[in-house]
Amino acid sequence: MTGTTSLTRTERQRLERDVILRAAFGLIGRSRDEAVSVQQILDSAELSTRAFYRHFRSKDELILTMFRTAADRVAAEMSEVIARADGPAAAVEAWIHRQLAVVYDPKRARQTSVLTSAEARAAVGFDQVDQEAATVRRTMLAEVIRRGKREGAFPLAEQPDEDARAVTSVVGGLIQARLVGDTGPGWAEATLHTTRLFLRAFGAANT
């Protein structure tokens, strides 16, 4: 890496790690027939094998780090839009919209394509980190529904945790359909339709 002489050691190492992650995102999942090697990632990043093992013990660990990094970003964005929402109904809509971003927002869609590829899913520990991330997002939604029930906005939402699971399942189906090439409705339309469906089920007024 050039132009890093003025950086601290910690900053250089963070930059080095980020360069490896970007290179991996650019290469993994591109080919259905051949997995990307660590050496190919390092060639793209213009870094040494020693640099790779300063940050990751294996390619599997690299992939899990890629997934966690993306999932943490989605969760942080989701938390922010929920906090800004004007009431529980708007928060449910914000959650759905942000969750659908993983296949509708062009930048997020590219990342999702990589992280749902067969190559990424083959990483040891992938299913566990996938479930952990899904639980974080679903828990956020359950708390929104619980709040709506408590405030009287969702009088029919008797089981917030199971309601959140149902919303997550429907949104997950929309995501999966788009991943396999079924373009379906646009982002705004998918968000609005799904939001109205569940707000009616929760007994929200004016839906």
Protein backbone atom coordinates (compact mmCIF):
# COMPACT_ATOMS: atom_id res chain seq x y z
CA MET A 1 0.00 0.00 0.00
CA THR A 2 1.29 3.44 -0.91
CA GLY A 3 0.77 6.74 0.87
CA THR A 4 0.56 5.19 4.34
CA THR A 5 3.86 6.38 5.86
CA SER A 6 2.14 9.15 7.86
CA LEU A 7 -0.35 6.75 9.44
CA THR A 8 0.05 5.13 12.84
CA ARG A 9 0.63 1.38 13.04
CA THR A 10 -2.97 0.84 14.14
CA GLU A 11 -4.28 2.95 11.25
CA ARG A 12 -2.09 1.09 8.75
CA GLN A 13 -3.31 -2.26 10.01
CA ARG A 14 -6.95 -1.12 9.85
CA LEU A 15 -6.42 0.09 6.29
CA GLU A 16 -4.67 -3.16 5.39
CA ARG A 17 -7.60 -5.18 6.77
CA ASP A 18 -10.11 -3.02 4.86
CA VAL A 19 -8.18 -3.48 1.62
CA ILE A 20 -8.33 -7.28 2.05
CA LEU A 21 -12.07 -7.12 2.76
CA ARG A 22 -12.73 -4.98 -0.33
CA ALA A 23 -10.67 -7.30 -2.50
CA ALA A 24 -12.57 -10.31 -1.18
CA PHE A 25 -15.92 -8.63 -1.85
CA GLY A 26 -14.76 -8.00 -5.39
CA LEU A 27 -13.81 -11.61 -6.06
CA ILE A 28 -15.82 -14.06 -3.94
CA GLY A 29 -18.95 -15.48 -5.51
CA ARG A 30 -18.14 -14.40 -9.05
CA SER A 31 -17.62 -17.92 -10.31
CA ARG A 32 -20.01 -20.81 -9.65
CA ASP A 33 -17.39 -23.37 -10.64
CA GLU A 34 -14.21 -22.26 -8.89
CA ALA A 35 -13.64 -20.88 -5.41
CA VAL A 36 -11.41 -17.86 -4.96
CA SER A 37 -8.11 -18.56 -3.24
CA VAL A 38 -6.47 -16.50 -0.53
CA GLN A 39 -3.64 -15.83 -2.96
CA GLN A 40 -6.04 -14.40 -5.55
CA ILE A 41 -7.48 -12.08 -2.92
CA LEU A 42 -4.00 -10.96 -1.91
CA ASP A 43 -2.95 -10.44 -5.52
CA SER A 44 -5.97 -8.18 -5.98
CA ALA A 45 -5.20 -6.35 -2.74
CA GLU A 46 -1.48 -6.17 -3.63
CA LEU A 47 -0.57 -7.52 -0.21
CA SER A 48 1.51 -10.39 1.13
CA THR A 49 0.47 -13.67 2.72
CA ARG A 50 1.91 -12.35 5.96
CA ALA A 51 -0.48 -9.38 5.76
CA PHE A 52 -3.46 -11.72 5.40
CA TYR A 53 -2.56 -13.81 8.44
CA ARG A 54 -2.08 -10.71 10.55
CA HIS A 55 -5.86 -10.31 10.37
CA PHE A 56 -7.43 -13.66 9.53
CA ARG A 57 -6.61 -17.26 10.41
CA SER A 58 -8.29 -18.61 7.29
CA LYS A 59 -10.45 -17.73 4.31
CA ASP A 60 -13.47 -18.92 6.32
CA GLU A 61 -12.70 -16.39 9.03
CA LEU A 62 -12.36 -13.69 6.36
CA ILE A 63 -15.82 -14.55 5.00
CA LEU A 64 -17.37 -14.52 8.48
CA THR A 65 -15.78 -11.11 9.08
CA MET A 66 -17.22 -9.87 5.79
CA PHE A 67 -20.66 -11.08 6.84
CA ARG A 68 -20.48 -9.61 10.35
CA THR A 69 -19.24 -6.27 9.00
CA ALA A 70 -22.16 -6.03 6.58
CA ALA A 71 -24.69 -7.29 9.14
CA ASP A 72 -23.50 -4.84 11.80
CA ARG A 73 -23.86 -1.98 9.33
CA VAL A 74 -27.41 -3.03 8.43
CA ALA A 75 -28.34 -3.36 12.12
CA ALA A 76 -26.89 0.07 12.93
CA GLU A 77 -28.79 1.69 10.06
CA MET A 78 -31.96 -0.13 11.10
CA SER A 79 -31.60 1.06 14.69
CA GLU A 80 -31.13 4.62 13.48
CA VAL A 81 -34.18 4.71 11.19
CA ILE A 82 -36.35 3.11 13.89
CA ALA A 83 -35.22 5.74 16.41
CA ARG A 84 -36.12 8.53 13.97
CA ALA A 85 -39.53 7.07 13.08
CA ASP A 86 -42.64 8.94 14.14
CA GLY A 87 -44.39 6.23 16.12
CA PRO A 88 -44.58 2.42 16.02
CA ALA A 89 -46.33 2.18 12.62
CA ALA A 90 -43.65 4.32 10.97
CA ALA A 91 -40.97 2.28 12.75
CA VAL A 92 -42.37 -0.98 11.33
CA GLU A 93 -42.31 0.57 7.85
CA ALA A 94 -38.75 1.81 8.40
CA TRP A 95 -37.64 -1.66 9.54
CA ILE A 96 -39.17 -3.32 6.46
CA HIS A 97 -37.73 -0.71 4.10
CA ARG A 98 -34.24 -1.04 5.57
CA GLN A 99 -34.36 -4.83 5.55
CA LEU A 100 -35.37 -4.86 1.88
CA ALA A 101 -32.43 -2.56 1.14
CA VAL A 102 -30.14 -5.59 1.09
CA VAL A 103 -31.53 -6.52 -2.34
CA TYR A 104 -32.96 -3.21 -3.60
CA ASP A 105 -30.18 -0.73 -2.83
CA PRO A 106 -27.55 -1.31 -5.56
CA LYS A 107 -24.53 -1.23 -3.22
CA ARG A 108 -26.18 -3.45 -0.64
CA ALA A 109 -27.43 -5.80 -3.35
CA ARG A 110 -23.87 -6.39 -4.59
CA GLN A 111 -22.76 -7.25 -1.07
CA THR A 112 -25.75 -9.52 -0.54
CA SER A 113 -25.01 -11.35 -3.77
CA VAL A 114 -21.50 -12.10 -2.49
CA LEU A 115 -22.61 -13.06 1.02
CA THR A 116 -25.36 -15.40 -0.17
CA SER A 117 -23.19 -17.12 -2.75
CA ALA A 118 -22.48 -20.84 -2.41
CA GLU A 119 -18.84 -20.02 -1.81
CA ALA A 120 -19.61 -17.74 1.13
CA ARG A 121 -22.20 -20.09 2.61
CA ALA A 122 -19.67 -22.93 2.57
CA ALA A 123 -17.57 -21.14 5.19
CA VAL A 124 -17.42 -22.99 8.50
CA GLY A 125 -19.59 -21.12 11.00
CA PHE A 126 -21.59 -19.23 8.37
CA ASP A 127 -25.00 -20.52 9.46
CA GLN A 128 -24.36 -19.48 13.05
CA VAL A 129 -23.39 -15.88 12.24
CA ASP A 130 -26.30 -15.67 9.79
CA GLN A 131 -28.73 -16.72 12.53
CA GLU A 132 -27.15 -14.36 15.05
CA ALA A 133 -27.56 -11.41 12.70
CA ALA A 134 -31.15 -12.38 11.88
CA THR A 135 -31.97 -12.60 15.59
CA VAL A 136 -30.63 -9.10 16.20
CA ARG A 137 -32.81 -7.63 13.45
CA ARG A 138 -35.89 -9.61 14.48
CA THR A 139 -35.45 -8.56 18.12
CA MET A 140 -35.44 -4.92 17.06
CA LEU A 141 -38.73 -5.41 15.24
CA ALA A 142 -40.29 -7.31 18.14
CA GLU A 143 -39.50 -4.41 20.44
CA VAL A 144 -41.18 -1.99 18.02
CA ILE A 145 -44.29 -4.20 17.95
CA ARG A 146 -44.21 -4.55 21.74
CA ARG A 147 -44.03 -0.78 22.04
CA GLY A 148 -46.99 -0.43 19.65
CA LYS A 149 -49.01 -2.85 21.75
CA ARG A 150 -48.10 -1.01 24.95
CA GLU A 151 -49.05 2.38 23.50
CA GLY A 152 -52.32 1.14 22.00
CA ALA A 153 -51.19 1.54 18.38
CA PHE A 154 -51.23 -2.24 17.75
CA PRO A 155 -54.16 -3.59 19.80
CA LEU A 156 -54.21 -6.97 18.03
CA ALA A 157 -50.49 -7.69 18.38
CA GLU A 158 -50.76 -10.30 21.12
CA GLN A 159 -47.43 -12.03 20.52
CA PRO A 160 -44.80 -9.49 19.46
CA ASP A 161 -41.99 -12.04 19.16
CA GLU A 162 -44.03 -14.31 16.90
CA ASP A 163 -45.41 -11.32 15.00
CA ALA A 164 -41.84 -10.18 14.34
CA ARG A 165 -40.99 -13.68 13.14
CA ALA A 166 -43.93 -13.54 10.69
CA VAL A 167 -42.89 -10.17 9.29
CA THR A 168 -39.32 -11.40 8.96
CA SER A 169 -40.50 -14.48 7.10
CA VAL A 170 -42.51 -12.49 4.55
CA VAL A 171 -39.72 -9.97 4.01
CA GLY A 172 -37.23 -12.84 3.74
CA GLY A 173 -39.38 -14.36 0.99
CA LEU A 174 -39.28 -11.09 -0.96
CA ILE A 175 -35.51 -10.96 -0.54
CA GLN A 176 -35.04 -14.55 -1.67
CA ALA A 177 -37.28 -14.05 -4.70
CA ARG A 178 -35.20 -11.10 -5.84
CA LEU A 179 -31.97 -13.01 -5.26
CA VAL A 180 -33.08 -15.73 -7.68
CA GLY A 181 -34.06 -13.23 -10.35
CA ASP A 182 -37.75 -12.57 -9.68
CA THR A 183 -37.73 -8.77 -9.84
CA GLY A 184 -41.29 -8.46 -8.53
CA PRO A 185 -42.48 -5.11 -7.17
CA GLY A 186 -40.24 -2.10 -6.69
CA TRP A 187 -38.66 -1.23 -3.35
CA ALA A 188 -41.27 1.35 -2.35
CA GLU A 189 -44.18 -0.83 -3.47
CA ALA A 190 -42.86 -3.91 -1.67
CA THR A 191 -42.33 -1.87 1.49
CA LEU A 192 -45.79 -0.29 1.38
CA HIS A 193 -47.65 -3.51 0.62
CA THR A 194 -45.89 -5.49 3.35
CA THR A 195 -46.27 -2.69 5.88
CA ARG A 196 -49.99 -2.32 5.26
CA LEU A 197 -50.50 -6.08 5.43
CA PHE A 198 -49.03 -6.35 8.91
CA LEU A 199 -50.33 -3.08 10.29
CA ARG A 200 -53.84 -4.32 9.48
CA ALA A 201 -53.02 -7.57 11.25
CA PHE A 202 -51.82 -5.59 14.29
CA GLY A 203 -55.07 -3.60 14.33
CA ALA A 204 -53.42 -0.29 13.55
CA ALA A 205 -55.79 2.56 12.71
CA ASN A 206 -55.92 4.17 9.26
CA THR A 207 -54.54 1.21 7.35
